[in-house]
């Protein structure tokens, strides 16, 4: 059994008196122990101290007691004594009852060496930060978050990492979509705007507005949610001159939702700026088999401007360019249902369905839609001699009644049975296929996704079926 005289060198006077007054002590009784290296007082139960002495005196009779940080110190470790200058011992004792045994759980009150701000930090974090400063040859022990992120080497590392990410084409489709929406609303913006160590996807200088577009999967992870929260807290606390806006991926289910959100935040009713151009300057280009799984100019265009996004893989895609700028797109596919071709008296390979037709909001011009559609129809028949018929469905739910089809001599062949769509709290309708695709990406059922985001189901208007048969030559 270890005798009390051995404890005289490591216990404080108050703890020694307490043990003398109470010989029938309990092993769980707390005592104050002085580290033989850093001289910091730790509050530890008597059982742990006795166990420590038994173990170490057997190895080295001349050993002294060391606290956990000092005992673990090696070439890459920092002792508690070395971080003592930045610790306010009085406040630490008052707020946290001194420095505890468990470095990972105990807190200390530390003072920033630059701005002098006092913060409660974990002792393990303080030691880890000091080791990191030492490794990077910084002449400091502790800096608060605000001062730490402004260190030149920290800023350089952050900027280099982001530059490397962008150099390999890391822009997400929702970043491209938002850039297109801002451009169509004639709002000046900057991309990849830096605020100290944080980078924002967009910055609107006129409104001092910082915007981030967050994908549902990546920013839905717990570790990334905490990072996003820290980012907002930093701007609110240290850069209050900026306003912030987070646009989630679900808002891009229908790009019109994004327009509404931006207009509400900036407080202005921005209208789309219409560009003047001549149809003779339009260049028509044809491409085949555009995949939804691979990013392309065509997929980004539809995800930015079409209410249903890109949709299925494109069997035939025809684009209209104005001075190398994409202004309109037409996508043909095989029919969604076999019954569609059968009802028209054709086989499936003899019918193409026009499932996406989209014009850039700034390039809506009288007769442009019918002019472009007529050329797309001609190219569709030229691309495959087996194609005998084109079919398309106008959706009145989104205000499409088929005027351009009538202008190009398509024939109306009845209406479909009414299906359903969804609507969000902004009153913007969302295509059910978009909801299904998003739910599948998150490995959820459609009903679970709808319930999670508070969407409402409503019955859509019947779609109008239009048909155009190959002209007889």
Protein backbone atom coordinates (compact mmCIF):
# COMPACT_ATOMS: atom_id res chain seq x y z
CA UNK A 1 0.00 0.00 0.00
CA UNK A 2 1.41 3.43 -0.88
CA UNK A 3 1.89 5.60 2.18
CA UNK A 4 0.89 9.26 2.46
CA UNK A 5 4.47 10.61 2.77
CA UNK A 6 5.01 9.74 -0.89
CA UNK A 7 2.18 12.10 -1.81
CA UNK A 8 3.75 15.11 -0.07
CA UNK A 9 5.67 16.12 -3.21
CA UNK A 10 2.71 16.10 -5.56
CA UNK A 11 -0.37 17.16 -3.52
CA UNK A 12 -1.24 20.69 -2.51
CA UNK A 13 -1.25 21.65 1.16
CA UNK A 14 -5.04 21.82 1.28
CA UNK A 15 -5.35 18.26 -0.05
CA UNK A 16 -2.77 16.94 2.44
CA UNK A 17 -4.63 18.54 5.35
CA UNK A 18 -7.89 17.03 4.10
CA UNK A 19 -6.37 13.55 4.08
CA UNK A 20 -4.86 14.00 7.56
CA UNK A 21 -8.23 15.07 8.95
CA UNK A 22 -10.02 12.14 7.30
CA UNK A 23 -7.87 8.97 7.61
CA UNK A 24 -10.79 6.77 6.49
CA UNK A 25 -10.71 8.35 3.08
CA UNK A 26 -12.53 7.05 0.00
CA UNK A 27 -10.76 6.24 -3.25
CA UNK A 28 -13.22 8.46 -5.13
CA UNK A 29 -12.27 11.48 -3.02
CA UNK A 30 -10.94 14.34 -5.19
CA UNK A 31 -7.52 15.83 -4.49
CA UNK A 32 -5.41 18.58 -6.03
CA UNK A 33 -2.25 17.30 -7.73
CA UNK A 34 0.70 19.40 -8.97
CA UNK A 35 2.31 18.37 -12.26
CA UNK A 36 6.06 17.95 -11.73
CA UNK A 37 6.84 19.52 -15.14
CA UNK A 38 4.35 22.25 -15.93
CA UNK A 39 3.35 22.93 -12.27
CA UNK A 40 -0.34 23.06 -13.25
CA UNK A 41 -2.79 21.94 -10.55
CA UNK A 42 -5.19 19.18 -11.61
CA UNK A 43 -8.25 17.95 -9.74
CA UNK A 44 -8.16 14.11 -9.79
CA UNK A 45 -9.64 11.30 -7.71
CA UNK A 46 -7.28 9.71 -5.15
CA UNK A 47 -7.59 6.21 -6.64
CA UNK A 48 -6.10 7.33 -9.97
CA UNK A 49 -3.16 9.05 -8.21
CA UNK A 50 -2.34 5.97 -6.12
CA UNK A 51 -2.55 3.78 -9.20
CA UNK A 52 -0.24 6.12 -11.10
CA UNK A 53 2.38 6.13 -8.30
CA UNK A 54 2.37 2.34 -7.95
CA UNK A 55 2.94 1.91 -11.67
CA UNK A 56 5.67 4.52 -12.15
CA UNK A 57 7.64 4.00 -8.93
CA UNK A 58 8.22 0.39 -9.92
CA UNK A 59 9.84 1.56 -13.16
CA UNK A 60 11.70 4.58 -11.83
CA UNK A 61 11.90 5.37 -8.08
CA UNK A 62 12.90 8.97 -8.90
CA UNK A 63 9.99 9.70 -11.27
CA UNK A 64 7.64 12.58 -10.62
CA UNK A 65 3.96 12.96 -11.37
CA UNK A 66 3.16 14.37 -14.82
CA UNK A 67 -0.24 15.44 -16.09
CA UNK A 68 -1.64 13.74 -19.16
CA UNK A 69 -0.41 16.30 -21.76
CA UNK A 70 3.13 16.32 -20.29
CA UNK A 71 3.33 12.53 -20.02
CA UNK A 72 2.33 12.12 -23.66
CA UNK A 73 4.82 14.68 -24.90
CA UNK A 74 7.23 13.62 -27.64
CA UNK A 75 8.98 15.40 -30.48
CA UNK A 76 5.65 16.51 -31.96
CA UNK A 77 3.87 17.13 -28.66
CA UNK A 78 3.35 20.29 -26.64
CA UNK A 79 3.32 20.26 -22.85
CA UNK A 80 0.68 22.01 -20.83
CA UNK A 81 3.41 24.30 -19.49
CA UNK A 82 4.02 25.69 -22.99
CA UNK A 83 0.39 26.73 -23.49
CA UNK A 84 0.00 28.11 -19.94
CA UNK A 85 0.78 31.73 -21.05
CA UNK A 86 -2.48 31.89 -23.02
CA UNK A 87 -4.64 30.23 -20.32
CA UNK A 88 -6.46 32.42 -17.79
CA UNK A 89 -6.16 30.16 -14.75
CA UNK A 90 -8.51 32.22 -12.55
CA UNK A 91 -11.35 32.15 -15.09
CA UNK A 92 -10.67 28.49 -15.83
CA UNK A 93 -10.99 27.68 -12.13
CA UNK A 94 -14.14 29.79 -11.83
CA UNK A 95 -15.93 28.49 -14.92
CA UNK A 96 -14.72 24.89 -15.18
CA UNK A 97 -13.33 24.03 -11.73
CA UNK A 98 -9.72 23.96 -12.93
CA UNK A 99 -8.02 21.69 -15.44
CA UNK A 100 -9.43 18.16 -15.37
CA UNK A 101 -7.66 14.89 -16.02
CA UNK A 102 -9.34 14.13 -19.35
CA UNK A 103 -7.73 16.44 -21.89
CA UNK A 104 -10.38 15.68 -24.53
CA UNK A 105 -13.27 16.66 -22.28
CA UNK A 106 -11.99 19.47 -20.06
CA UNK A 107 -12.28 23.13 -21.08
CA UNK A 108 -9.97 26.06 -20.37
CA UNK A 109 -10.31 29.81 -20.86
CA UNK A 110 -7.78 30.95 -23.48
CA UNK A 111 -6.87 34.44 -24.63
CA UNK A 112 -6.10 35.20 -28.29
CA UNK A 113 -2.58 36.56 -28.77
CA UNK A 114 -3.73 38.97 -31.52
CA UNK A 115 -7.08 40.47 -30.61
CA UNK A 116 -7.18 39.49 -26.92
CA UNK A 117 -10.60 37.84 -27.21
CA UNK A 118 -11.33 35.33 -24.43
CA UNK A 119 -12.88 32.00 -25.40
CA UNK A 120 -13.72 28.65 -23.82
CA UNK A 121 -11.80 25.98 -25.74
CA UNK A 122 -11.12 22.31 -25.22
CA UNK A 123 -7.67 21.68 -23.82
CA UNK A 124 -7.05 19.05 -26.50
CA UNK A 125 -7.89 21.61 -29.22
CA UNK A 126 -5.56 24.16 -27.63
CA UNK A 127 -2.69 21.67 -27.53
CA UNK A 128 -3.39 20.47 -31.06
CA UNK A 129 -3.41 24.07 -32.34
CA UNK A 130 -0.13 24.83 -30.60
CA UNK A 131 1.46 21.76 -32.16
CA UNK A 132 0.20 22.82 -35.57
CA UNK A 133 1.58 26.37 -35.16
CA UNK A 134 4.93 24.88 -34.13
CA UNK A 135 4.98 22.51 -37.11
CA UNK A 136 4.30 25.40 -39.52
CA UNK A 137 6.99 27.57 -37.88
CA UNK A 138 4.50 30.13 -36.64
CA UNK A 139 5.57 32.16 -33.64
CA UNK A 140 2.30 31.85 -31.77
CA UNK A 141 0.49 29.51 -29.39
CA UNK A 142 -3.20 30.32 -29.73
CA UNK A 143 -5.28 32.46 -32.06
CA UNK A 144 -9.05 32.74 -32.09
CA UNK A 145 -10.91 31.52 -35.16
CA UNK A 146 -11.18 34.98 -36.71
CA UNK A 147 -7.43 35.67 -36.44
CA UNK A 148 -6.41 32.12 -37.30
CA UNK A 149 -8.18 31.99 -40.67
CA UNK A 150 -6.48 35.26 -41.70
CA UNK A 151 -2.97 33.89 -41.39
CA UNK A 152 -1.25 34.24 -44.80
CA UNK A 153 -0.41 30.56 -45.16
CA UNK A 154 -3.96 29.52 -44.16
CA UNK A 155 -5.47 31.84 -46.78
CA UNK A 156 -3.03 30.62 -49.43
CA UNK A 157 -3.86 26.99 -48.72
CA UNK A 158 -7.60 27.66 -48.95
CA UNK A 159 -7.26 29.62 -52.20
CA UNK A 160 -4.97 27.02 -53.79
CA UNK A 161 -7.38 24.19 -52.90
CA UNK A 162 -10.35 26.03 -54.43
CA UNK A 163 -8.36 26.96 -57.56
CA UNK A 164 -7.38 23.32 -58.04
CA UNK A 165 -11.01 22.26 -57.65
CA UNK A 166 -12.22 24.75 -60.25
CA UNK A 167 -9.42 23.88 -62.67
CA UNK A 168 -10.90 20.41 -63.19
CA UNK A 169 -14.38 21.76 -63.95
CA UNK A 170 -15.94 21.29 -60.55
CA UNK A 171 -18.88 23.65 -61.05
CA UNK A 172 -22.07 21.82 -60.17
CA UNK A 173 -25.10 21.96 -62.43
CA UNK A 174 -26.97 24.09 -59.88
CA UNK A 175 -24.12 26.65 -59.88
CA UNK A 176 -24.38 26.83 -63.67
CA UNK A 177 -28.17 27.09 -63.42
CA UNK A 178 -28.02 29.99 -60.94
CA UNK A 179 -25.43 31.82 -63.06
CA UNK A 180 -27.77 31.51 -66.04
CA UNK A 181 -30.77 32.75 -64.06
CA UNK A 182 -28.84 35.79 -62.74
CA UNK A 183 -27.63 36.58 -66.24
CA UNK A 184 -31.15 36.41 -67.66
CA UNK A 185 -32.37 38.79 -64.90
CA UNK A 186 -29.52 41.19 -65.75
CA UNK A 187 -28.08 41.01 -62.21
CA UNK A 188 -24.36 41.65 -61.89
CA UNK A 189 -22.54 38.93 -59.97
CA UNK A 190 -19.12 37.54 -59.09
CA UNK A 191 -18.36 33.84 -58.78
CA UNK A 192 -16.14 32.20 -56.13
CA UNK A 193 -16.06 35.28 -53.88
CA UNK A 194 -13.61 35.07 -50.95
CA UNK A 195 -14.39 36.28 -47.42
CA UNK A 196 -11.23 35.45 -45.48
CA UNK A 197 -10.90 31.65 -45.65
CA UNK A 198 -14.49 31.05 -46.80
CA UNK A 199 -15.48 30.96 -50.46
CA UNK A 200 -19.03 31.74 -51.59
CA UNK A 201 -20.46 30.52 -54.87
CA UNK A 202 -21.85 33.94 -55.83
CA UNK A 203 -21.66 37.55 -54.68
CA UNK A 204 -24.04 40.33 -55.82
CA UNK A 205 -22.05 43.60 -55.31
CA UNK A 206 -25.04 45.90 -55.70
CA UNK A 207 -26.91 44.20 -52.86
CA UNK A 208 -23.91 43.01 -50.73
CA UNK A 209 -25.42 39.55 -50.95
CA UNK A 210 -23.43 36.32 -50.56
CA UNK A 211 -25.06 33.24 -52.10
CA UNK A 212 -24.29 29.54 -51.71
CA UNK A 213 -26.07 26.80 -53.64
CA UNK A 214 -26.06 23.55 -51.66
CA UNK A 215 -26.56 20.07 -53.07
CA UNK A 216 -28.95 17.94 -51.03
CA UNK A 217 -26.71 14.91 -50.52
CA UNK A 218 -23.35 16.52 -49.72
CA UNK A 219 -24.67 19.35 -47.56
CA UNK A 220 -27.12 16.97 -45.89
CA UNK A 221 -24.27 15.06 -44.19
CA UNK A 222 -23.91 15.88 -40.50
CA UNK A 223 -20.24 16.90 -40.75
CA UNK A 224 -21.03 19.35 -43.56
CA UNK A 225 -24.11 20.80 -41.85
CA UNK A 226 -21.90 21.93 -38.96
CA UNK A 227 -19.42 23.50 -41.41
CA UNK A 228 -22.22 25.39 -43.18
CA UNK A 229 -23.49 26.65 -39.83
CA UNK A 230 -20.00 27.85 -38.86
CA UNK A 231 -19.71 29.68 -42.18
CA UNK A 232 -22.94 31.61 -41.59
CA UNK A 233 -22.01 32.34 -37.97
CA UNK A 234 -18.64 33.73 -39.03
CA UNK A 235 -20.21 36.17 -41.52
CA UNK A 236 -22.86 37.24 -38.98
CA UNK A 237 -20.29 37.85 -36.23
CA UNK A 238 -17.29 39.27 -38.06
CA UNK A 239 -18.59 40.57 -41.41
CA UNK A 240 -22.08 41.96 -40.67
CA UNK A 241 -21.95 44.23 -43.74
CA UNK A 242 -22.83 41.22 -45.90
CA UNK A 243 -26.21 39.54 -46.26
CA UNK A 244 -26.33 35.79 -46.88
CA UNK A 245 -28.62 33.51 -48.87
CA UNK A 246 -28.52 29.71 -49.05
CA UNK A 247 -30.38 28.19 -52.02
CA UNK A 248 -30.90 24.45 -51.67
CA UNK A 249 -30.87 22.05 -54.61
CA UNK A 250 -34.57 21.31 -54.21
CA UNK A 251 -35.33 24.91 -55.27
CA UNK A 252 -34.01 24.03 -58.72
CA UNK A 253 -36.81 21.50 -59.23
CA UNK A 254 -38.37 24.40 -61.10
CA UNK A 255 -36.00 27.32 -61.95
CA UNK A 256 -38.86 29.80 -61.49
CA UNK A 257 -38.60 29.16 -57.73
CA UNK A 258 -35.02 30.46 -57.81
CA UNK A 259 -36.13 33.67 -59.52
CA UNK A 260 -38.79 34.26 -56.86
CA UNK A 261 -36.34 33.69 -53.99
CA UNK A 262 -33.77 36.11 -55.43
CA UNK A 263 -36.35 38.82 -56.13
CA UNK A 264 -37.72 38.55 -52.57
CA UNK A 265 -34.26 38.88 -51.02
CA UNK A 266 -33.03 41.83 -53.11
CA UNK A 267 -36.42 43.54 -52.81
CA UNK A 268 -36.72 44.36 -56.51
CA UNK A 269 -39.02 43.06 -59.21
CA UNK A 270 -36.42 42.20 -61.84
CA UNK A 271 -37.72 41.43 -65.31
CA UNK A 272 -35.98 39.37 -67.99
CA UNK A 273 -34.05 41.54 -70.43
CA UNK A 274 -35.01 40.74 -74.02
CA UNK A 275 -32.19 40.74 -76.57
CA UNK A 276 -32.60 41.94 -80.14
CA UNK A 277 -31.39 39.58 -82.88
CA UNK A 278 -32.13 38.45 -86.42
CA UNK A 279 -33.22 34.92 -87.30
CA UNK A 280 -30.69 34.92 -90.14
CA UNK A 281 -27.90 34.99 -87.52
CA UNK A 282 -29.09 31.76 -85.88
CA UNK A 283 -27.00 28.65 -86.51
CA UNK A 284 -28.69 25.23 -86.18
CA UNK A 285 -26.56 22.34 -84.90
CA UNK A 286 -27.52 18.68 -84.54
CA UNK A 287 -26.10 16.16 -82.08
CA UNK A 288 -27.14 12.62 -81.21
CA UNK A 289 -27.54 10.78 -77.91
CA UNK A 290 -26.91 13.28 -75.15
CA UNK A 291 -26.76 11.44 -71.80
CA UNK A 292 -28.18 12.80 -68.54
CA UNK A 293 -25.35 11.14 -66.61
CA UNK A 294 -22.71 13.26 -68.37
CA UNK A 295 -22.57 17.03 -67.96
CA UNK A 296 -22.94 18.96 -71.21
CA UNK A 297 -23.92 22.40 -72.46
CA UNK A 298 -27.31 20.99 -73.46
CA UNK A 299 -28.06 19.45 -70.05
CA UNK A 300 -26.99 22.64 -68.23
CA UNK A 301 -29.23 24.69 -70.52
CA UNK A 302 -32.34 22.59 -69.83
CA UNK A 303 -31.64 22.39 -66.08
CA UNK A 304 -31.41 26.19 -66.05
CA UNK A 305 -34.45 27.15 -68.09
CA UNK A 306 -36.88 24.22 -68.49
CA UNK A 307 -39.40 23.57 -65.70
CA UNK A 308 -38.84 19.79 -65.99
CA UNK A 309 -35.04 19.84 -66.29
CA UNK A 310 -33.11 17.66 -68.72
CA UNK A 311 -35.24 14.54 -68.38
CA UNK A 312 -34.36 11.32 -70.21
CA UNK A 313 -31.30 10.74 -72.37
CA UNK A 314 -31.67 12.55 -75.67
CA UNK A 315 -31.85 10.41 -78.81
CA UNK A 316 -31.64 13.48 -81.04
CA UNK A 317 -30.76 16.97 -79.78
CA UNK A 318 -30.95 20.06 -81.99
CA UNK A 319 -29.56 23.36 -80.72
CA UNK A 320 -29.80 26.96 -81.93
CA UNK A 321 -26.73 29.17 -81.44
CA UNK A 322 -26.41 32.92 -81.76
CA UNK A 323 -22.75 33.91 -82.12
CA UNK A 324 -21.65 30.70 -80.30
CA UNK A 325 -24.18 31.27 -77.50
CA UNK A 326 -26.89 28.63 -76.97
CA UNK A 327 -30.33 30.26 -77.17
CA UNK A 328 -32.75 27.37 -77.89
CA UNK A 329 -32.87 23.59 -77.66
CA UNK A 330 -35.09 20.80 -78.96
CA UNK A 331 -34.75 17.20 -77.74
CA UNK A 332 -36.36 14.13 -79.33
CA UNK A 333 -36.68 10.71 -77.73
CA UNK A 334 -38.36 7.37 -78.16
CA UNK A 335 -41.94 7.40 -76.92
CA UNK A 336 -42.38 7.13 -73.16
CA UNK A 337 -45.11 4.50 -73.52
CA UNK A 338 -45.54 1.82 -76.17
CA UNK A 339 -49.24 2.57 -76.32
CA UNK A 340 -48.52 6.03 -77.74
CA UNK A 341 -47.18 4.63 -81.03
CA UNK A 342 -49.79 1.89 -81.15
CA UNK A 343 -52.65 4.36 -80.77
CA UNK A 344 -51.34 6.22 -83.83
CA UNK A 345 -51.06 3.04 -85.90
CA UNK A 346 -47.25 2.91 -85.91
CA UNK A 347 -44.53 0.78 -84.37
CA UNK A 348 -42.34 2.22 -81.62
CA UNK A 349 -39.27 2.70 -83.83
CA UNK A 350 -41.38 4.71 -86.31
CA UNK A 351 -42.31 7.44 -83.79
CA UNK A 352 -40.21 10.12 -82.13
CA UNK A 353 -41.46 12.09 -79.16
CA UNK A 354 -40.51 15.74 -78.74
CA UNK A 355 -40.06 15.75 -74.96
CA UNK A 356 -38.16 19.04 -74.44
CA UNK A 357 -38.42 22.34 -76.26
CA UNK A 358 -36.86 25.36 -74.59
CA UNK A 359 -35.89 28.91 -75.55
CA UNK A 360 -33.65 31.15 -73.47
CA UNK A 361 -35.84 33.72 -71.61
CA UNK A 362 -33.88 36.64 -73.08
CA UNK A 363 -34.35 35.44 -76.66
CA UNK A 364 -38.11 35.06 -76.93
CA UNK A 365 -39.00 36.69 -80.23
CA UNK A 366 -42.12 36.63 -82.33
CA UNK A 367 -42.18 33.57 -84.64
CA UNK A 368 -38.82 32.30 -83.29
CA UNK A 369 -40.40 29.21 -81.68
CA UNK A 370 -42.27 28.10 -84.82
CA UNK A 371 -39.26 28.97 -87.02
CA UNK A 372 -36.94 26.83 -84.91
CA UNK A 373 -39.47 23.99 -84.51
CA UNK A 374 -40.02 23.67 -88.26
CA UNK A 375 -36.29 23.18 -88.83
CA UNK A 376 -36.11 20.65 -86.00
CA UNK A 377 -38.94 18.65 -87.58
CA UNK A 378 -37.13 18.56 -90.91
CA UNK A 379 -33.85 17.40 -89.30
CA UNK A 380 -35.70 14.73 -87.28
CA UNK A 381 -37.06 13.09 -90.43
CA UNK A 382 -33.71 13.43 -92.22
CA UNK A 383 -31.85 11.78 -89.33
CA UNK A 384 -33.70 8.45 -89.68
CA UNK A 385 -35.63 7.22 -92.72
CA UNK A 386 -37.71 4.87 -90.50
CA UNK A 387 -39.31 7.75 -88.60
CA UNK A 388 -42.86 8.26 -89.88
CA UNK A 389 -44.42 10.39 -87.17
CA UNK A 390 -43.58 12.98 -84.50
CA UNK A 391 -45.63 13.34 -81.32
CA UNK A 392 -45.59 15.86 -78.49
CA UNK A 393 -47.69 16.78 -75.45
CA UNK A 394 -48.50 20.38 -74.52
CA UNK A 395 -48.95 20.87 -70.75
CA UNK A 396 -51.61 23.51 -69.90
CA UNK A 397 -50.60 23.26 -66.21
CA UNK A 398 -47.56 25.36 -67.15
CA UNK A 399 -49.42 27.60 -69.57
CA UNK A 400 -48.61 25.68 -72.77
CA UNK A 401 -51.57 25.23 -75.08
CA UNK A 402 -49.74 24.25 -78.28
CA UNK A 403 -49.75 27.49 -80.26
CA UNK A 404 -46.38 26.75 -81.89
CA UNK A 405 -47.61 23.29 -82.91
CA UNK A 406 -50.64 24.79 -84.62
CA UNK A 407 -48.37 27.30 -86.37
CA UNK A 408 -46.29 24.46 -87.84
CA UNK A 409 -49.30 22.33 -88.95
CA UNK A 410 -49.33 19.71 -86.21
CA UNK A 411 -52.69 18.03 -85.65
CA UNK A 412 -54.36 17.74 -82.25
CA UNK A 413 -55.20 14.11 -81.39
CA UNK A 414 -57.11 14.39 -78.13
CA UNK A 415 -56.01 14.71 -74.52
CA UNK A 416 -54.37 12.45 -71.95
CA UNK A 417 -55.88 11.36 -68.67
CA UNK A 418 -55.06 13.92 -65.93
CA UNK A 419 -52.12 12.99 -63.73
CA UNK A 420 -50.65 14.84 -60.74
CA UNK A 421 -47.90 17.32 -60.03
CA UNK A 422 -46.56 18.90 -56.83
CA UNK A 423 -46.51 22.45 -55.54
CA UNK A 424 -44.20 24.08 -53.00
CA UNK A 425 -44.96 26.83 -50.47
CA UNK A 426 -44.14 29.51 -53.08
CA UNK A 427 -46.97 28.24 -55.29
CA UNK A 428 -44.66 27.02 -58.07
CA UNK A 429 -45.68 23.71 -59.72
CA UNK A 430 -43.06 20.93 -59.84
CA UNK A 431 -43.04 18.01 -62.27
CA UNK A 432 -43.58 14.67 -60.49
CA UNK A 433 -40.69 13.06 -62.44
CA UNK A 434 -38.30 15.66 -61.01
CA UNK A 435 -39.44 14.75 -57.50
CA UNK A 436 -38.98 11.05 -58.22
CA UNK A 437 -35.46 11.58 -59.60
CA UNK A 438 -34.39 13.63 -56.56
CA UNK A 439 -35.84 11.04 -54.18
CA UNK A 440 -33.99 8.23 -55.96
CA UNK A 441 -30.72 10.13 -55.72
CA UNK A 442 -31.16 10.37 -51.94
CA UNK A 443 -32.30 6.73 -51.74
CA UNK A 444 -35.76 7.73 -50.60
CA UNK A 445 -39.27 6.99 -51.75
CA UNK A 446 -41.19 9.71 -53.54
CA UNK A 447 -43.73 9.95 -50.70
CA UNK A 448 -40.94 10.29 -48.11
CA UNK A 449 -39.29 13.10 -50.05
CA UNK A 450 -42.61 14.93 -50.47
CA UNK A 451 -43.38 14.67 -46.76
CA UNK A 452 -39.86 15.78 -45.78
CA UNK A 453 -40.06 19.00 -47.82
CA UNK A 454 -43.73 19.78 -47.24
CA UNK A 455 -44.83 19.57 -50.88
CA UNK A 456 -48.49 19.32 -51.85
CA UNK A 457 -49.94 17.07 -54.54
CA UNK A 458 -52.50 18.47 -56.96
CA UNK A 459 -54.26 17.19 -60.06
CA UNK A 460 -52.89 18.66 -63.28
CA UNK A 461 -54.83 19.62 -66.36
CA UNK A 462 -55.00 16.98 -69.13
CA UNK A 463 -52.13 17.28 -71.59
CA UNK A 464 -52.94 17.96 -75.24
CA UNK A 465 -51.47 15.48 -77.74
CA UNK A 466 -50.18 16.85 -81.05
CA UNK A 467 -49.01 14.75 -84.02
CA UNK A 468 -47.06 15.54 -87.17
CA UNK A 469 -46.69 12.87 -89.88
CA UNK A 470 -43.87 12.62 -92.41
CA UNK A 471 -44.80 14.68 -95.50
CA UNK A 472 -45.53 12.66 -98.63
CA UNK A 473 -42.94 13.41 -101.29
